[in-house]
Structures are given as structure tokens and as C-alpha cells.
Amino acid sequence: MRLSGSFGGFLKSLLRARYRNSIVSYENRKHFLTDWAEYAPVTVSDVTEQIGNGKVKGILKTMNLKEDGTPLLAGIASHQRKIKYIPHENISGTVVGRLKTGDYAGIYSAMPGLDVSHVGIIIKDGNRVSIRHASSDRRYRKVIDQDFQAPSQIPELPSSSRLNRRSQGLQCRFRLFVKIAVLKGLWLYQN
């Protein structure tokens, strides 16, 4: 999308990224973040392994299928997909340093049927790395830029935190994230 030369070009790129065959409908929407690189045309590339530099884990998941066998999203077929992510213990200053402005990052979710629990866009300004995301924190409840640091630099959240229970790592595909002590893994995309 950052490669678009005009607003019209941006809208076309957005349709290609978010909808199969650029057809806007519930059935054609790429509901899961990993869908963005899975379906043609491929408008993003998975850079999780490049960013993780040998510290990546993978897990085979059945997308859109809860533990009880029911779908997360009605009317959307379930399908198997290998999800690659950087576990929280492997997210270091070196890993954060490999992120680029415009990368989309996803917080890997251990929840059955789901790839990520939250997404954001990486913003780099000199030595400062932030993630731009829609915060659900009561103090903000809007899009904010938060400092992004290696987990060892982030204070722990209470164990009752919803993200502490569900987030396991960072997925780097378009490339993304947030200052969340709960960072358990990262998944990244590059557009």
C-alpha cells in the first residue's frame, strides 16, 4: 500500500490485500491476518523467519474452528495453516531492530482457530520503534503509537490480563505490534 502513487491506487491495493479477487463481500474477505499472504494476488510477504533469524516456531492450526468444533465466523470454511511466529523469549533488541516502518505485526494467539489476537503497524523514527494500533485500553480507546520494546524491557501485566492468557508470540508478516508486556510472540508481514 505504501507503493501506491495515488489515493485511487491505494484503494485498489487495499481491495487486493483485504478481499479475494478484490470483490468486497463477507465470503471474499481475508478474515485472518495470515489470509493476506495466503490468497492470490499475494500483496504481502511473510518476513517472520527473516526477522526472527532462526528463532521462529511453527504450529499447524485449523483456522476458524474453536475447541468445541464450532466456527469462530459463521459461513466461513475452516482450513489448516502453518502459523510461524517469534516466541516472546526470542524477541530481543536485535529482532526489534530488524523491523521497518510500515511492517504489519500480529500478536500470535494460542486460541484454537485464530492466528493473531491483535495487529498494528511498526513506526521507526531514529532509534525509537513504535507500534501504531487501535488501543482497547480504557485510557485511550483510539489509535495510538506505543513504544515497542523487547519483552525483557516491558513491565509485566497482571496474569489475569486477557492478552497474557492468549498471546504467545509475535508474527511478522506484513510486519506490526504494541507495547504490551504480555508479548508472547510476534508475526510479521511486509507489504
Protein backbone atom coordinates (compact mmCIF):
# COMPACT_ATOMS: atom_id res chain seq x y z
CA MET A 1 0.00 0.00 0.00
CA ARG A 2 2.92 2.28 0.66
CA LEU A 3 3.79 1.67 -3.00
CA SER A 4 0.59 3.33 -4.25
CA GLY A 5 1.10 6.54 -6.22
CA SER A 6 -2.38 7.95 -5.59
CA PHE A 7 -5.39 7.58 -3.34
CA GLY A 8 -7.17 5.59 -6.07
CA GLY A 9 -4.15 3.31 -6.31
CA PHE A 10 -4.18 2.91 -2.54
CA LEU A 11 -7.86 1.86 -2.62
CA LYS A 12 -7.12 -0.75 -5.31
CA SER A 13 -4.19 -2.07 -3.27
CA LEU A 14 -6.38 -2.20 -0.17
CA LEU A 15 -9.04 -4.21 -2.00
CA ARG A 16 -6.40 -6.67 -3.29
CA ALA A 17 -4.94 -7.07 0.21
CA ARG A 18 -8.23 -7.48 2.09
CA TYR A 19 -10.53 -9.28 -0.40
CA ARG A 20 -10.03 -12.28 -2.68
CA ASN A 21 -10.30 -11.18 -6.31
CA SER A 22 -10.88 -7.61 -4.98
CA ILE A 23 -14.58 -8.48 -4.55
CA VAL A 24 -15.99 -6.82 -1.44
CA SER A 25 -18.15 -9.38 0.34
CA TYR A 26 -18.16 -11.24 3.64
CA GLU A 27 -17.30 -14.51 1.90
CA ASN A 28 -14.34 -12.98 -0.01
CA ARG A 29 -12.88 -11.05 2.89
CA LYS A 30 -9.50 -12.21 4.13
CA HIS A 31 -10.69 -12.53 7.73
CA PHE A 32 -7.45 -13.79 9.28
CA LEU A 33 -4.19 -11.88 9.11
CA THR A 34 -2.43 -14.90 7.60
CA ASP A 35 -5.03 -14.82 4.79
CA TRP A 36 -3.40 -11.65 3.47
CA ALA A 37 -0.41 -13.58 2.12
CA GLU A 38 -2.19 -16.88 1.52
CA TYR A 39 -4.58 -15.91 -1.26
CA ALA A 40 -3.73 -14.51 -4.69
CA PRO A 41 -2.88 -11.92 -5.58
CA VAL A 42 -0.18 -12.03 -2.96
CA THR A 43 0.34 -8.41 -1.95
CA VAL A 44 2.41 -9.07 1.15
CA SER A 45 5.27 -11.36 2.05
CA ASP A 46 5.91 -13.26 5.27
CA VAL A 47 9.14 -11.97 6.81
CA THR A 48 8.74 -13.69 10.18
CA GLU A 49 11.67 -16.05 9.58
CA GLN A 50 13.86 -13.25 8.24
CA ILE A 51 13.15 -11.05 11.27
CA GLY A 52 13.36 -13.97 13.72
CA ASN A 53 16.70 -15.14 12.29
CA GLY A 54 16.41 -18.81 13.28
CA LYS A 55 14.33 -18.19 16.43
CA VAL A 56 10.91 -18.88 14.86
CA LYS A 57 8.39 -21.53 15.91
CA GLY A 58 5.66 -23.01 13.74
CA ILE A 59 2.36 -24.64 14.55
CA LEU A 60 -0.31 -26.21 12.37
CA LYS A 61 -3.72 -24.74 13.20
CA THR A 62 -7.22 -25.21 11.85
CA MET A 63 -8.34 -21.66 11.19
CA ASN A 64 -11.89 -20.67 12.13
CA LEU A 65 -12.50 -23.76 14.25
CA LYS A 66 -13.00 -23.42 18.01
CA GLU A 67 -12.09 -26.12 20.51
CA ASP A 68 -15.72 -27.29 20.63
CA GLY A 69 -15.76 -27.78 16.83
CA THR A 70 -17.90 -24.75 16.03
CA PRO A 71 -16.69 -21.95 13.74
CA LEU A 72 -15.45 -18.61 15.03
CA LEU A 73 -17.04 -16.96 11.98
CA ALA A 74 -20.30 -18.37 10.65
CA GLY A 75 -20.35 -19.03 6.91
CA ILE A 76 -16.56 -19.16 6.56
CA ALA A 77 -14.95 -22.55 5.87
CA SER A 78 -12.25 -23.77 8.24
CA HIS A 79 -8.84 -24.65 6.81
CA GLN A 80 -5.45 -25.77 8.05
CA ARG A 81 -2.49 -23.41 8.00
CA LYS A 82 1.02 -23.43 9.43
CA ILE A 83 1.47 -20.33 11.57
CA LYS A 84 5.05 -19.14 12.12
CA TYR A 85 5.86 -16.73 14.94
CA ILE A 86 8.73 -15.44 17.05
CA PRO A 87 8.21 -16.60 20.67
CA HIS A 88 8.33 -13.84 23.28
CA GLU A 89 11.55 -15.15 24.80
CA ASN A 90 13.26 -14.72 21.41
CA ILE A 91 12.19 -11.11 20.83
CA SER A 92 15.34 -9.14 21.53
CA GLY A 93 16.62 -5.68 20.74
CA THR A 94 18.20 -7.23 17.62
CA VAL A 95 14.84 -8.60 16.47
CA VAL A 96 13.11 -5.26 17.14
CA GLY A 97 15.95 -3.54 15.25
CA ARG A 98 15.13 -5.57 12.12
CA LEU A 99 11.60 -4.16 11.98
CA LYS A 100 10.88 -1.49 9.36
CA THR A 101 8.39 1.36 9.18
CA GLY A 102 5.25 0.04 7.53
CA ASP A 103 5.65 -3.53 8.77
CA TYR A 104 2.43 -5.10 10.00
CA ALA A 105 2.83 -7.17 13.13
CA GLY A 106 0.39 -9.58 14.70
CA ILE A 107 0.29 -10.88 18.23
CA TYR A 108 0.20 -14.65 17.88
CA SER A 109 -2.75 -16.25 19.65
CA ALA A 110 -2.71 -19.75 21.13
CA MET A 111 -6.52 -19.74 20.94
CA PRO A 112 -7.79 -22.54 18.66
CA GLY A 113 -8.94 -21.30 15.25
CA LEU A 114 -7.18 -17.95 15.46
CA ASP A 115 -3.81 -16.79 14.12
CA VAL A 116 -3.37 -13.43 15.88
CA SER A 117 -5.22 -11.57 18.60
CA HIS A 118 -4.14 -8.02 17.71
CA VAL A 119 -2.35 -6.17 14.91
CA GLY A 120 -0.55 -2.90 14.38
CA ILE A 121 1.91 -1.09 12.13
CA ILE A 122 5.57 -0.54 13.01
CA ILE A 123 6.81 3.05 13.00
CA LYS A 124 10.55 3.78 13.27
CA ASP A 125 11.88 7.26 13.98
CA GLY A 126 15.63 7.19 14.54
CA ASN A 127 16.24 4.76 17.41
CA ARG A 128 12.60 4.87 18.54
CA VAL A 129 10.38 1.97 17.47
CA SER A 130 6.62 2.26 17.99
CA ILE A 131 3.58 0.31 17.03
CA ARG A 132 0.53 2.14 15.75
CA HIS A 133 -2.58 0.25 16.75
CA ALA A 134 -6.17 0.62 17.90
CA SER A 135 -5.85 0.50 21.68
CA SER A 136 -8.62 -1.08 23.73
CA ASP A 137 -7.07 0.36 26.91
CA ARG A 138 -9.73 2.43 28.70
CA ARG A 139 -7.31 5.35 28.90
CA TYR A 140 -7.16 5.63 25.10
CA ARG A 141 -9.78 3.67 23.12
CA LYS A 142 -8.36 5.10 19.89
CA VAL A 143 -5.44 4.63 17.51
CA ILE A 144 -2.19 5.36 19.31
CA ASP A 145 1.56 4.97 18.84
CA GLN A 146 3.15 2.98 21.67
CA ASP A 147 6.83 2.34 22.25
CA PHE A 148 7.75 -1.12 21.09
CA GLN A 149 10.43 -2.89 23.07
CA ALA A 150 11.78 -6.36 23.62
CA PRO A 151 9.69 -8.17 26.29
CA SER A 152 12.54 -8.02 28.79
CA GLN A 153 12.20 -4.22 28.74
CA ILE A 154 8.44 -4.21 29.30
CA PRO A 155 6.87 -4.43 32.78
CA GLU A 156 4.66 -7.48 33.32
CA LEU A 157 0.90 -7.14 33.11
CA PRO A 158 -1.29 -8.89 35.68
CA SER A 159 -1.68 -12.60 34.95
CA SER A 160 -5.42 -12.05 34.67
CA SER A 161 -4.85 -9.94 31.57
CA ARG A 162 -6.73 -11.31 28.57
CA LEU A 163 -3.66 -10.86 26.38
CA ASN A 164 -1.45 -12.66 28.92
CA ARG A 165 -3.68 -15.70 28.66
CA ARG A 166 -3.97 -15.73 24.87
CA SER A 167 -0.95 -14.12 23.24
CA GLN A 168 2.04 -16.36 22.74
CA GLY A 169 4.29 -14.63 20.28
CA LEU A 170 4.82 -12.14 17.51
CA GLN A 171 4.05 -12.92 13.91
CA CYS A 172 5.89 -10.79 11.42
CA ARG A 173 4.30 -10.87 8.06
CA PHE A 174 3.41 -7.50 6.74
CA ARG A 175 5.34 -6.53 9.79
CA LEU A 176 3.42 -4.97 13.22
CA PHE A 177 2.85 -4.53 17.11
CA VAL A 178 2.25 -2.77 20.54
CA LYS A 179 3.95 -2.06 23.88
CA ILE A 180 2.34 -4.95 25.70
CA ALA A 181 4.22 -6.66 28.48
CA VAL A 182 2.27 -9.70 27.54
CA LEU A 183 4.08 -10.06 24.30
CA LYS A 184 4.36 -13.80 23.92
CA GLY A 185 5.22 -13.91 20.23
CA LEU A 186 5.37 -11.91 17.03
CA TRP A 187 4.26 -12.48 13.47
CA LEU A 188 5.34 -10.04 10.71
CA TYR A 189 4.30 -9.09 7.16
CA GLN A 190 5.89 -6.75 4.70
CA ASN A 191 3.88 -5.02 2.00
